[in-house]
Amino acid sequence: MSNASQLKKFVLMGLPHAPMLDIPLFGIFLVIYVLTVVGNLLILLVIMVNSHLHTPMYYFLTNLSFLDMWFSTVTVPKMLMTLVSPGARAISFHNCITQLYFFHFLGSTECFLYTVMSYDRYLAISHPLRYTSMMRGRTCALLATSTWLSGSLHSALQTILTFRLPYCGPSQIQHYFCDAPPILKLACADTSANEMVIFVNIGVVASGCFLLIVMSYVCIICSILKIRTSEGRCRAFQTCTSHCTVVLFFFVPCVFIYLRPGSKDAVDGVVAVFYTVLTPLLNPVVYTLRNKEVKKALLKLNSKLVFTPSKYSRKDRNG
């Protein structure tokens, strides 16, 4: 990082909106954030306590829920603070570095994880007899670990490329969190090489992962069409629909922001809400409302929580 960096802090300008919308937006985003954290925590709890869900698919889902919970936490709390207090828009130089690193670390890890999950669904549907032997616990742990390590390396490269430049002013970031494209606009040096490397870096990761996901689902569809019974085809399609829904909500906004020529701050800020705020909420909604096994496990957990206190209370009365 260059010693010429003179700025001690940045100012996050937030989402473009009328001042009268501060409180309504604060309320909306607060509710979404609370639902996101609670929903993903609930998925983690249900999968942990229910032995029937200790399968590769749900192992990767626990990783996704953990990621989504923290991915939202990296950006949303700071955005909420800026909506209720103008003074909270300031963010120190080092905190901005930290936010950018963890944002890209968690985001790119999620990108790799979606790819692994599509591969898992491909094996489950196209090779059901060999699936258990191919996706053993050690294999799943190795695949999950590789996504986290790859995300960490990808983010480190993004962060170093962004903050190796000198920043002498202005300090206003036209966004609600620290991200590479709006920060590079503030650098007092030529950023063309950095922008090109970042563009290629994100392009290779996003496009590569999306291409692998598409290939997996083409193979899955071919396998599904070979299933003779309509009930079997329907079950196989339902298994993959939830994953496809979340993948589209995550990848489309990312491609729009990072892989298109030119950039409009106002548009980018609004589009970023989809994958930083809404997608982490979509995960628990999709995987609970569209998944019979998770719904059954939730009902089972709820019945345990309801009946356990009454059982103990009867023991106390009898004692």
C-alpha atoms as a PDB file:
ATOM      1  CA  MET A   1       0.000   0.000   0.000  1.00  0.00           C
ATOM      2  CA  SER A   2       1.426   3.367  -0.983  1.00  0.00           C
ATOM      3  CA  ASN A   3       2.733   5.800   1.620  1.00  0.00           C
ATOM      4  CA  ALA A   4       1.194   8.579  -0.458  1.00  0.00           C
ATOM      5  CA  SER A   5      -2.237   7.646   0.835  1.00  0.00           C
ATOM      6  CA  GLN A   6      -3.128  10.781   2.772  1.00  0.00           C
ATOM      7  CA  LEU A   7      -6.795  10.260   3.521  1.00  0.00           C
ATOM      8  CA  LYS A   8      -7.533   9.078   7.064  1.00  0.00           C
ATOM      9  CA  LYS A   9     -11.188   8.365   6.391  1.00  0.00           C
ATOM     10  CA  PHE A  10     -13.839   8.114   3.711  1.00  0.00           C
ATOM     11  CA  VAL A  11     -17.456   9.247   3.688  1.00  0.00           C
ATOM     12  CA  LEU A  12     -20.112   6.791   2.517  1.00  0.00           C
ATOM     13  CA  MET A  13     -22.781   8.744   0.664  1.00  0.00           C
ATOM     14  CA  GLY A  14     -25.281   5.870   0.913  1.00  0.00           C
ATOM     15  CA  LEU A  15     -28.201   4.994  -1.327  1.00  0.00           C
ATOM     16  CA  PRO A  16     -29.589   7.861  -3.443  1.00  0.00           C
ATOM     17  CA  HIS A  17     -32.937   8.813  -1.884  1.00  0.00           C
ATOM     18  CA  ALA A  18     -34.945  11.729  -0.519  1.00  0.00           C
ATOM     19  CA  PRO A  19     -34.153  12.647   3.133  1.00  0.00           C
ATOM     20  CA  MET A  20     -37.792  12.029   4.122  1.00  0.00           C
ATOM     21  CA  LEU A  21     -37.278   8.336   3.310  1.00  0.00           C
ATOM     22  CA  ASP A  22     -34.520   7.846   5.904  1.00  0.00           C
ATOM     23  CA  ILE A  23     -36.771   6.395   8.616  1.00  0.00           C
ATOM     24  CA  PRO A  24     -38.942   4.216   6.304  1.00  0.00           C
ATOM     25  CA  LEU A  25     -35.807   2.785   4.639  1.00  0.00           C
ATOM     26  CA  PHE A  26     -34.216   2.217   8.039  1.00  0.00           C
ATOM     27  CA  GLY A  27     -37.294   0.260   9.160  1.00  0.00           C
ATOM     28  CA  ILE A  28     -37.452  -1.828   5.970  1.00  0.00           C
ATOM     29  CA  PHE A  29     -33.751  -2.728   5.951  1.00  0.00           C
ATOM     30  CA  LEU A  30     -33.731  -3.408   9.700  1.00  0.00           C
ATOM     31  CA  VAL A  31     -36.604  -5.898   9.356  1.00  0.00           C
ATOM     32  CA  ILE A  32     -34.900  -7.578   6.379  1.00  0.00           C
ATOM     33  CA  TYR A  33     -31.592  -7.805   8.275  1.00  0.00           C
ATOM     34  CA  VAL A  34     -33.190  -9.291  11.409  1.00  0.00           C
ATOM     35  CA  LEU A  35     -35.130 -11.818   9.311  1.00  0.00           C
ATOM     36  CA  THR A  36     -31.925 -12.700   7.431  1.00  0.00           C
ATOM     37  CA  VAL A  37     -29.921 -13.377  10.592  1.00  0.00           C
ATOM     38  CA  VAL A  38     -32.732 -15.224  12.391  1.00  0.00           C
ATOM     39  CA  GLY A  39     -33.682 -17.233   9.281  1.00  0.00           C
ATOM     40  CA  ASN A  40     -30.137 -18.381   8.566  1.00  0.00           C
ATOM     41  CA  LEU A  41     -29.492 -19.148  12.244  1.00  0.00           C
ATOM     42  CA  LEU A  42     -32.665 -21.226  12.250  1.00  0.00           C
ATOM     43  CA  ILE A  43     -31.481 -23.224   9.230  1.00  0.00           C
ATOM     44  CA  LEU A  44     -28.141 -23.847  10.954  1.00  0.00           C
ATOM     45  CA  LEU A  45     -29.903 -24.995  14.130  1.00  0.00           C
ATOM     46  CA  VAL A  46     -32.397 -27.264  12.335  1.00  0.00           C
ATOM     47  CA  ILE A  47     -29.679 -28.997  10.300  1.00  0.00           C
ATOM     48  CA  MET A  48     -27.419 -29.430  13.325  1.00  0.00           C
ATOM     49  CA  VAL A  49     -30.067 -31.042  15.581  1.00  0.00           C
ATOM     50  CA  ASN A  50     -31.732 -33.211  12.921  1.00  0.00           C
ATOM     51  CA  SER A  51     -29.657 -36.263  12.001  1.00  0.00           C
ATOM     52  CA  HIS A  52     -31.772 -36.908   8.874  1.00  0.00           C
ATOM     53  CA  LEU A  53     -30.369 -33.684   7.404  1.00  0.00           C
ATOM     54  CA  HIS A  54     -26.729 -34.680   7.875  1.00  0.00           C
ATOM     55  CA  THR A  55     -26.210 -35.164   4.141  1.00  0.00           C
ATOM     56  CA  PRO A  56     -23.848 -33.452   1.653  1.00  0.00           C
ATOM     57  CA  MET A  57     -26.569 -31.133   0.329  1.00  0.00           C
ATOM     58  CA  TYR A  58     -27.414 -29.812   3.787  1.00  0.00           C
ATOM     59  CA  TYR A  59     -23.757 -29.669   4.781  1.00  0.00           C
ATOM     60  CA  PHE A  60     -23.198 -27.190   1.945  1.00  0.00           C
ATOM     61  CA  LEU A  61     -26.415 -25.401   2.915  1.00  0.00           C
ATOM     62  CA  THR A  62     -25.053 -24.790   6.432  1.00  0.00           C
ATOM     63  CA  ASN A  63     -21.997 -23.184   4.831  1.00  0.00           C
ATOM     64  CA  LEU A  64     -24.271 -21.043   2.656  1.00  0.00           C
ATOM     65  CA  SER A  65     -26.417 -19.954   5.626  1.00  0.00           C
ATOM     66  CA  PHE A  66     -23.318 -19.054   7.646  1.00  0.00           C
ATOM     67  CA  LEU A  67     -21.935 -17.083   4.686  1.00  0.00           C
ATOM     68  CA  ASP A  68     -25.208 -15.225   4.034  1.00  0.00           C
ATOM     69  CA  MET A  69     -25.549 -14.221   7.665  1.00  0.00           C
ATOM     70  CA  TRP A  70     -22.109 -12.583   7.725  1.00  0.00           C
ATOM     71  CA  PHE A  71     -22.265 -11.321   4.127  1.00  0.00           C
ATOM     72  CA  SER A  72     -25.290  -9.228   5.111  1.00  0.00           C
ATOM     73  CA  THR A  73     -23.627  -8.167   8.386  1.00  0.00           C
ATOM     74  CA  VAL A  74     -20.617  -6.726   6.541  1.00  0.00           C
ATOM     75  CA  THR A  75     -22.701  -4.014   4.828  1.00  0.00           C
ATOM     76  CA  VAL A  76     -26.217  -3.643   6.284  1.00  0.00           C
ATOM     77  CA  PRO A  77     -25.472  -2.442   9.874  1.00  0.00           C
ATOM     78  CA  LYS A  78     -23.290   0.385   8.552  1.00  0.00           C
ATOM     79  CA  MET A  79     -25.993   1.324   6.047  1.00  0.00           C
ATOM     80  CA  LEU A  80     -28.575   1.425   8.866  1.00  0.00           C
ATOM     81  CA  MET A  81     -26.320   3.723  10.889  1.00  0.00           C
ATOM     82  CA  THR A  82     -25.921   6.145   7.980  1.00  0.00           C
ATOM     83  CA  LEU A  83     -29.707   6.334   7.553  1.00  0.00           C
ATOM     84  CA  VAL A  84     -30.341   7.501  11.123  1.00  0.00           C
ATOM     85  CA  SER A  85     -27.182   9.533  11.736  1.00  0.00           C
ATOM     86  CA  PRO A  86     -25.378  11.617   9.073  1.00  0.00           C
ATOM     87  CA  GLY A  87     -22.234  11.564  11.229  1.00  0.00           C
ATOM     88  CA  ALA A  88     -22.097   7.771  10.922  1.00  0.00           C
ATOM     89  CA  ARG A  89     -21.301   8.063   7.220  1.00  0.00           C
ATOM     90  CA  ALA A  90     -17.610   8.472   8.008  1.00  0.00           C
ATOM     91  CA  ILE A  91     -15.526   5.299   7.883  1.00  0.00           C
ATOM     92  CA  SER A  92     -11.831   5.129   8.683  1.00  0.00           C
ATOM     93  CA  PHE A  93      -9.337   4.171   6.007  1.00  0.00           C
ATOM     94  CA  HIS A  94      -8.480   0.876   7.726  1.00  0.00           C
ATOM     95  CA  ASN A  95     -12.115   0.011   8.426  1.00  0.00           C
ATOM     96  CA  CYS A  96     -12.836   0.585   4.736  1.00  0.00           C
ATOM     97  CA  ILE A  97     -10.046  -1.845   3.824  1.00  0.00           C
ATOM     98  CA  THR A  98     -11.494  -4.392   6.270  1.00  0.00           C
ATOM     99  CA  GLN A  99     -15.034  -3.997   4.916  1.00  0.00           C
ATOM    100  CA  LEU A 100     -13.915  -4.369   1.294  1.00  0.00           C
ATOM    101  CA  TYR A 101     -11.837  -7.455   2.127  1.00  0.00           C
ATOM    102  CA  PHE A 102     -14.613  -9.273   3.982  1.00  0.00           C
ATOM    103  CA  PHE A 103     -17.231  -8.240   1.434  1.00  0.00           C
ATOM    104  CA  HIS A 104     -15.270  -9.793  -1.436  1.00  0.00           C
ATOM    105  CA  PHE A 105     -14.085 -12.709   0.723  1.00  0.00           C
ATOM    106  CA  LEU A 106     -17.621 -13.760   1.672  1.00  0.00           C
ATOM    107  CA  GLY A 107     -19.088 -12.868  -1.731  1.00  0.00           C
ATOM    108  CA  SER A 108     -16.547 -14.808  -3.790  1.00  0.00           C
ATOM    109  CA  THR A 109     -16.678 -17.753  -1.355  1.00  0.00           C
ATOM    110  CA  GLU A 110     -20.443 -17.844  -1.887  1.00  0.00           C
ATOM    111  CA  CYS A 111     -19.843 -17.763  -5.641  1.00  0.00           C
ATOM    112  CA  PHE A 112     -17.552 -20.818  -5.406  1.00  0.00           C
ATOM    113  CA  LEU A 113     -19.985 -22.537  -3.028  1.00  0.00           C
ATOM    114  CA  TYR A 114     -22.880 -22.217  -5.485  1.00  0.00           C
ATOM    115  CA  THR A 115     -20.673 -24.001  -8.021  1.00  0.00           C
ATOM    116  CA  VAL A 116     -19.926 -26.822  -5.584  1.00  0.00           C
ATOM    117  CA  MET A 117     -23.637 -27.119  -4.728  1.00  0.00           C
ATOM    118  CA  SER A 118     -24.547 -27.456  -8.403  1.00  0.00           C
ATOM    119  CA  TYR A 119     -21.921 -30.202  -8.763  1.00  0.00           C
ATOM    120  CA  ASP A 120     -23.415 -31.940  -5.726  1.00  0.00           C
ATOM    121  CA  ARG A 121     -26.905 -31.837  -7.293  1.00  0.00           C
ATOM    122  CA  TYR A 122     -25.468 -33.159 -10.565  1.00  0.00           C
ATOM    123  CA  LEU A 123     -23.972 -36.187  -8.800  1.00  0.00           C
ATOM    124  CA  ALA A 124     -27.123 -36.796  -6.730  1.00  0.00           C
ATOM    125  CA  ILE A 125     -29.422 -36.839  -9.773  1.00  0.00           C
ATOM    126  CA  SER A 126     -27.162 -38.175 -12.535  1.00  0.00           C
ATOM    127  CA  HIS A 127     -25.275 -40.778 -10.446  1.00  0.00           C
ATOM    128  CA  PRO A 128     -27.608 -41.692  -7.542  1.00  0.00           C
ATOM    129  CA  LEU A 129     -26.077 -45.151  -6.962  1.00  0.00           C
ATOM    130  CA  ARG A 130     -22.524 -43.817  -6.654  1.00  0.00           C
ATOM    131  CA  TYR A 131     -23.466 -40.540  -4.967  1.00  0.00           C
ATOM    132  CA  THR A 132     -22.910 -41.692  -1.368  1.00  0.00           C
ATOM    133  CA  SER A 133     -19.466 -43.124  -2.093  1.00  0.00           C
ATOM    134  CA  MET A 134     -18.409 -40.098  -4.155  1.00  0.00           C
ATOM    135  CA  MET A 135     -19.582 -37.433  -1.684  1.00  0.00           C
ATOM    136  CA  ARG A 136     -18.224 -38.737   1.595  1.00  0.00           C
ATOM    137  CA  GLY A 137     -17.664 -36.506   4.602  1.00  0.00           C
ATOM    138  CA  ARG A 138     -13.984 -35.951   3.815  1.00  0.00           C
ATOM    139  CA  THR A 139     -14.758 -35.000   0.201  1.00  0.00           C
ATOM    140  CA  CYS A 140     -17.451 -32.530   1.300  1.00  0.00           C
ATOM    141  CA  ALA A 141     -15.121 -30.944   3.863  1.00  0.00           C
ATOM    142  CA  LEU A 142     -12.371 -30.634   1.236  1.00  0.00           C
ATOM    143  CA  LEU A 143     -14.729 -28.985  -1.268  1.00  0.00           C
ATOM    144  CA  ALA A 144     -16.100 -26.564   1.343  1.00  0.00           C
ATOM    145  CA  THR A 145     -12.602 -25.673   2.578  1.00  0.00           C
ATOM    146  CA  SER A 146     -11.434 -25.027  -0.979  1.00  0.00           C
ATOM    147  CA  THR A 147     -14.268 -22.516  -1.494  1.00  0.00           C
ATOM    148  CA  TRP A 148     -13.252 -20.579   1.638  1.00  0.00           C
ATOM    149  CA  LEU A 149      -9.554 -20.569   0.727  1.00  0.00           C
ATOM    150  CA  SER A 150     -10.258 -19.536  -2.875  1.00  0.00           C
ATOM    151  CA  GLY A 151     -12.522 -16.725  -1.659  1.00  0.00           C
ATOM    152  CA  SER A 152      -9.823 -15.499   0.715  1.00  0.00           C
ATOM    153  CA  LEU A 153      -7.156 -15.387  -2.030  1.00  0.00           C
ATOM    154  CA  HIS A 154      -9.523 -13.699  -4.482  1.00  0.00           C
ATOM    155  CA  SER A 155     -10.442 -11.026  -1.931  1.00  0.00           C
ATOM    156  CA  ALA A 156      -6.834 -10.426  -0.903  1.00  0.00           C
ATOM    157  CA  LEU A 157      -5.952  -9.690  -4.546  1.00  0.00           C
ATOM    158  CA  GLN A 158      -8.912  -7.309  -4.895  1.00  0.00           C
ATOM    159  CA  THR A 159      -8.031  -5.451  -1.692  1.00  0.00           C
ATOM    160  CA  ILE A 160      -4.330  -5.099  -2.469  1.00  0.00           C
ATOM    161  CA  LEU A 161      -5.014  -3.841  -5.994  1.00  0.00           C
ATOM    162  CA  THR A 162      -7.512  -1.277  -4.700  1.00  0.00           C
ATOM    163  CA  PHE A 163      -5.558   0.162  -1.781  1.00  0.00           C
ATOM    164  CA  ARG A 164      -2.044   0.136  -3.214  1.00  0.00           C
ATOM    165  CA  LEU A 165      -2.957   3.423  -4.920  1.00  0.00           C
ATOM    166  CA  PRO A 166      -2.641   6.860  -3.265  1.00  0.00           C
ATOM    167  CA  TYR A 167      -5.855   8.535  -2.062  1.00  0.00           C
ATOM    168  CA  CYS A 168      -5.530  12.246  -1.438  1.00  0.00           C
ATOM    169  CA  GLY A 169      -9.123  13.398  -1.959  1.00  0.00           C
ATOM    170  CA  PRO A 170     -11.999  13.782  -2.464  1.00  0.00           C
ATOM    171  CA  SER A 171     -13.198  11.351   0.219  1.00  0.00           C
ATOM    172  CA  GLN A 172     -16.883  10.841  -0.712  1.00  0.00           C
ATOM    173  CA  ILE A 173     -17.612   7.229  -1.790  1.00  0.00           C
ATOM    174  CA  GLN A 174     -20.778   7.175  -3.893  1.00  0.00           C
ATOM    175  CA  HIS A 175     -22.026   3.956  -2.350  1.00  0.00           C
ATOM    176  CA  TYR A 176     -23.331   2.593   0.959  1.00  0.00           C
ATOM    177  CA  PHE A 177     -20.283   0.374   1.553  1.00  0.00           C
ATOM    178  CA  CYS A 178     -16.628   0.233   0.520  1.00  0.00           C
ATOM    179  CA  ASP A 179     -16.366  -1.481  -2.855  1.00  0.00           C
ATOM    180  CA  ALA A 180     -13.574  -1.390  -5.428  1.00  0.00           C
ATOM    181  CA  PRO A 181     -15.250   0.458  -8.365  1.00  0.00           C
ATOM    182  CA  PRO A 182     -16.424   3.567  -6.414  1.00  0.00           C
ATOM    183  CA  ILE A 183     -13.205   3.688  -4.361  1.00  0.00           C
ATOM    184  CA  LEU A 184     -10.946   3.611  -7.430  1.00  0.00           C
ATOM    185  CA  LYS A 185     -12.697   6.769  -8.682  1.00  0.00           C
ATOM    186  CA  LEU A 186     -11.154   8.634  -5.712  1.00  0.00           C
ATOM    187  CA  ALA A 187      -7.555   7.600  -6.369  1.00  0.00           C
ATOM    188  CA  CYS A 188      -5.128  10.355  -7.366  1.00  0.00           C
ATOM    189  CA  ALA A 189      -3.266   8.144  -9.838  1.00  0.00           C
ATOM    190  CA  ASP A 190      -3.975   6.296 -13.053  1.00  0.00           C
ATOM    191  CA  THR A 191      -6.338   3.413 -12.253  1.00  0.00           C
ATOM    192  CA  SER A 192      -6.727   1.901 -15.738  1.00  0.00           C
ATOM    193  CA  ALA A 193      -4.380  -1.047 -15.032  1.00  0.00           C
ATOM    194  CA  ASN A 194      -6.044  -1.728 -11.680  1.00  0.00           C
ATOM    195  CA  GLU A 195      -9.511  -1.582 -13.181  1.00  0.00           C
ATOM    196  CA  MET A 196      -8.513  -3.964 -15.962  1.00  0.00           C
ATOM    197  CA  VAL A 197      -6.972  -6.518 -13.567  1.00  0.00           C
ATOM    198  CA  ILE A 198      -9.975  -6.310 -11.216  1.00  0.00           C
ATOM    199  CA  PHE A 199     -12.344  -6.631 -14.176  1.00  0.00           C
ATOM    200  CA  VAL A 200     -10.515  -9.726 -15.439  1.00  0.00           C
ATOM    201  CA  ASN A 201     -10.205 -11.176 -11.920  1.00  0.00           C
ATOM    202  CA  ILE A 202     -13.914 -10.842 -11.142  1.00  0.00           C
ATOM    203  CA  GLY A 203     -14.824 -11.782 -14.697  1.00  0.00           C
ATOM    204  CA  VAL A 204     -12.873 -15.040 -14.569  1.00  0.00           C
ATOM    205  CA  VAL A 205     -14.357 -15.995 -11.181  1.00  0.00           C
ATOM    206  CA  ALA A 206     -17.974 -14.995 -11.881  1.00  0.00           C
ATOM    207  CA  SER A 207     -18.087 -16.181 -15.492  1.00  0.00           C
ATOM    208  CA  GLY A 208     -16.203 -19.390 -14.731  1.00  0.00           C
ATOM    209  CA  CYS A 209     -18.455 -20.300 -11.810  1.00  0.00           C
ATOM    210  CA  PHE A 210     -21.618 -19.428 -13.715  1.00  0.00           C
ATOM    211  CA  LEU A 211     -20.496 -21.457 -16.744  1.00  0.00           C
ATOM    212  CA  LEU A 212     -19.787 -24.503 -14.550  1.00  0.00           C
ATOM    213  CA  ILE A 213     -23.203 -24.110 -12.883  1.00  0.00           C
ATOM    214  CA  VAL A 214     -24.941 -23.920 -16.271  1.00  0.00           C
ATOM    215  CA  MET A 215     -23.043 -27.008 -17.479  1.00  0.00           C
ATOM    216  CA  SER A 216     -24.052 -28.895 -14.330  1.00  0.00           C
ATOM    217  CA  TYR A 217     -27.706 -28.056 -14.837  1.00  0.00           C
ATOM    218  CA  VAL A 218     -27.659 -28.953 -18.520  1.00  0.00           C
ATOM    219  CA  CYS A 219     -26.420 -32.402 -17.489  1.00  0.00           C
ATOM    220  CA  ILE A 220     -29.020 -32.515 -14.701  1.00  0.00           C
ATOM    221  CA  ILE A 221     -31.862 -31.680 -17.111  1.00  0.00           C
ATOM    222  CA  CYS A 222     -30.675 -34.385 -19.506  1.00  0.00           C
ATOM    223  CA  SER A 223     -30.699 -36.883 -16.635  1.00  0.00           C
ATOM    224  CA  ILE A 224     -34.132 -35.747 -15.436  1.00  0.00           C
ATOM    225  CA  LEU A 225     -35.643 -36.199 -18.891  1.00  0.00           C
ATOM    226  CA  LYS A 226     -34.502 -39.832 -18.808  1.00  0.00           C
ATOM    227  CA  ILE A 227     -36.563 -40.499 -15.667  1.00  0.00           C
ATOM    228  CA  ARG A 228     -39.599 -42.498 -16.728  1.00  0.00           C
ATOM    229  CA  THR A 229     -42.144 -41.490 -14.083  1.00  0.00           C
ATOM    230  CA  SER A 230     -43.578 -37.965 -14.012  1.00  0.00           C
ATOM    231  CA  GLU A 231     -43.432 -38.030 -10.190  1.00  0.00           C
ATOM    232  CA  GLY A 232     -39.706 -38.752 -10.285  1.00  0.00           C
ATOM    233  CA  ARG A 233     -39.092 -35.944 -12.780  1.00  0.00           C
ATOM    234  CA  CYS A 234     -41.138 -33.541 -10.668  1.00  0.00           C
ATOM    235  CA  ARG A 235     -39.186 -34.382  -7.498  1.00  0.00           C
ATOM    236  CA  ALA A 236     -35.860 -33.955  -9.298  1.00  0.00           C
ATOM    237  CA  PHE A 237     -36.884 -30.572 -10.717  1.00  0.00           C
ATOM    238  CA  GLN A 238     -38.071 -29.374  -7.285  1.00  0.00           C
ATOM    239  CA  THR A 239     -34.727 -30.346  -5.768  1.00  0.00           C
ATOM    240  CA  CYS A 240     -32.894 -28.010  -8.158  1.00  0.00           C
ATOM    241  CA  THR A 241     -35.382 -25.146  -8.505  1.00  0.00           C
ATOM    242  CA  SER A 242     -34.496 -23.578  -5.152  1.00  0.00           C
ATOM    243  CA  HIS A 243     -30.782 -23.604  -5.953  1.00  0.00           C
ATOM    244  CA  CYS A 244     -31.357 -22.064  -9.401  1.00  0.00           C
ATOM    245  CA  THR A 245     -33.511 -19.284  -7.909  1.00  0.00           C
ATOM    246  CA  VAL A 246     -30.847 -18.231  -5.400  1.00  0.00           C
ATOM    247  CA  VAL A 247     -28.069 -18.486  -8.004  1.00  0.00           C
ATOM    248  CA  LEU A 248     -29.876 -16.157 -10.434  1.00  0.00           C
ATOM    249  CA  PHE A 249     -30.579 -13.559  -7.734  1.00  0.00           C
ATOM    250  CA  PHE A 250     -26.887 -13.604  -6.786  1.00  0.00           C
ATOM    251  CA  PHE A 251     -25.152 -13.726 -10.182  1.00  0.00           C
ATOM    252  CA  VAL A 252     -27.294 -11.394 -12.310  1.00  0.00           C
ATOM    253  CA  PRO A 253     -26.731  -8.248 -10.144  1.00  0.00           C
ATOM    254  CA  CYS A 254     -23.014  -9.090  -9.780  1.00  0.00           C
ATOM    255  CA  VAL A 255     -22.548  -9.391 -13.530  1.00  0.00           C
ATOM    256  CA  PHE A 256     -24.487  -6.144 -14.042  1.00  0.00           C
ATOM    257  CA  ILE A 257     -22.251  -4.182 -11.655  1.00  0.00           C
ATOM    258  CA  TYR A 258     -18.797  -5.633 -12.243  1.00  0.00           C
ATOM    259  CA  LEU A 259     -18.809  -6.904 -15.828  1.00  0.00           C
ATOM    260  CA  ARG A 260     -20.424  -4.122 -17.813  1.00  0.00           C
ATOM    261  CA  PRO A 261     -18.618  -1.179 -19.438  1.00  0.00           C
ATOM    262  CA  GLY A 262     -19.120   2.107 -17.640  1.00  0.00           C
ATOM    263  CA  SER A 263     -20.614   2.633 -14.206  1.00  0.00           C
ATOM    264  CA  LYS A 264     -23.449   4.710 -12.832  1.00  0.00           C
ATOM    265  CA  ASP A 265     -23.236   5.229  -9.077  1.00  0.00           C
ATOM    266  CA  ALA A 266     -26.973   5.577  -8.459  1.00  0.00           C
ATOM    267  CA  VAL A 267     -27.867   2.478 -10.488  1.00  0.00           C
ATOM    268  CA  ASP A 268     -25.041   0.385  -8.998  1.00  0.00           C
ATOM    269  CA  GLY A 269     -26.141   1.249  -5.450  1.00  0.00           C
ATOM    270  CA  VAL A 270     -29.716   0.151  -6.042  1.00  0.00           C
ATOM    271  CA  VAL A 271     -28.714  -3.046  -7.880  1.00  0.00           C
ATOM    272  CA  ALA A 272     -26.212  -3.922  -5.121  1.00  0.00           C
ATOM    273  CA  VAL A 273     -29.133  -4.101  -2.668  1.00  0.00           C
ATOM    274  CA  PHE A 274     -30.316  -7.258  -4.453  1.00  0.00           C
ATOM    275  CA  TYR A 275     -27.242  -9.361  -3.680  1.00  0.00           C
ATOM    276  CA  THR A 276     -26.122  -7.712  -0.421  1.00  0.00           C
ATOM    277  CA  VAL A 277     -29.535  -7.407   1.287  1.00  0.00           C
ATOM    278  CA  LEU A 278     -32.174  -9.481  -0.514  1.00  0.00           C
ATOM    279  CA  THR A 279     -30.210 -12.587  -1.567  1.00  0.00           C
ATOM    280  CA  PRO A 280     -29.091 -13.446   2.010  1.00  0.00           C
ATOM    281  CA  LEU A 281     -32.781 -13.271   3.003  1.00  0.00           C
ATOM    282  CA  LEU A 282     -33.815 -15.351   0.002  1.00  0.00           C
ATOM    283  CA  ASN A 283     -31.707 -18.304   1.118  1.00  0.00           C
ATOM    284  CA  PRO A 284     -33.735 -19.222   4.263  1.00  0.00           C
ATOM    285  CA  VAL A 285     -37.041 -18.367   2.537  1.00  0.00           C
ATOM    286  CA  VAL A 286     -36.391 -20.556  -0.525  1.00  0.00           C
ATOM    287  CA  TYR A 287     -34.835 -23.461   1.345  1.00  0.00           C
ATOM    288  CA  THR A 288     -37.614 -23.616   3.941  1.00  0.00           C
ATOM    289  CA  LEU A 289     -40.766 -22.808   1.976  1.00  0.00           C
ATOM    290  CA  ARG A 290     -39.805 -24.997  -1.015  1.00  0.00           C
ATOM    291  CA  ASN A 291     -38.137 -27.839   0.896  1.00  0.00           C
ATOM    292  CA  LYS A 292     -40.335 -30.506   2.490  1.00  0.00           C
ATOM    293  CA  GLU A 293     -37.490 -32.018   4.539  1.00  0.00           C
ATOM    294  CA  VAL A 294     -36.547 -28.694   6.119  1.00  0.00           C
ATOM    295  CA  LYS A 295     -40.200 -27.830   6.808  1.00  0.00           C
ATOM    296  CA  LYS A 296     -40.688 -31.216   8.472  1.00  0.00           C
ATOM    297  CA  ALA A 297     -37.551 -30.695  10.575  1.00  0.00           C
ATOM    298  CA  LEU A 298     -38.752 -27.203  11.571  1.00  0.00           C
ATOM    299  CA  LEU A 299     -42.119 -28.588  12.697  1.00  0.00           C
ATOM    300  CA  LYS A 300     -40.349 -31.330  14.637  1.00  0.00           C
ATOM    301  CA  LEU A 301     -38.080 -28.780  16.328  1.00  0.00           C
ATOM    302  CA  ASN A 302     -41.049 -26.550  17.112  1.00  0.00           C
ATOM    303  CA  SER A 303     -42.983 -29.447  18.682  1.00  0.00           C
ATOM    304  CA  LYS A 304     -39.968 -30.264  20.867  1.00  0.00           C
ATOM    305  CA  LEU A 305     -39.724 -26.662  22.048  1.00  0.00           C
ATOM    306  CA  VAL A 306     -43.471 -26.540  22.752  1.00  0.00           C
ATOM    307  CA  PHE A 307     -43.833 -29.840  24.573  1.00  0.00           C
ATOM    308  CA  THR A 308     -40.577 -29.913  26.512  1.00  0.00           C
ATOM    309  CA  PRO A 309     -41.529 -27.117  28.985  1.00  0.00           C
ATOM    310  CA  SER A 310     -44.938 -28.712  29.680  1.00  0.00           C
ATOM    311  CA  LYS A 311     -43.255 -32.049  30.385  1.00  0.00           C
ATOM    312  CA  TYR A 312     -40.942 -30.506  32.939  1.00  0.00           C
ATOM    313  CA  SER A 313     -43.761 -28.514  34.507  1.00  0.00           C
ATOM    314  CA  ARG A 314     -45.756 -31.742  35.061  1.00  0.00           C
ATOM    315  CA  LYS A 315     -42.720 -33.316  36.708  1.00  0.00           C
ATOM    316  CA  ASP A 316     -42.411 -30.299  39.006  1.00  0.00           C
ATOM    317  CA  ARG A 317     -46.088 -30.537  39.978  1.00  0.00           C
ATOM    318  CA  ASN A 318     -45.812 -34.275  40.634  1.00  0.00           C
ATOM    319  CA  GLY A 319     -42.658 -33.747  42.629  1.00  0.00           C
END
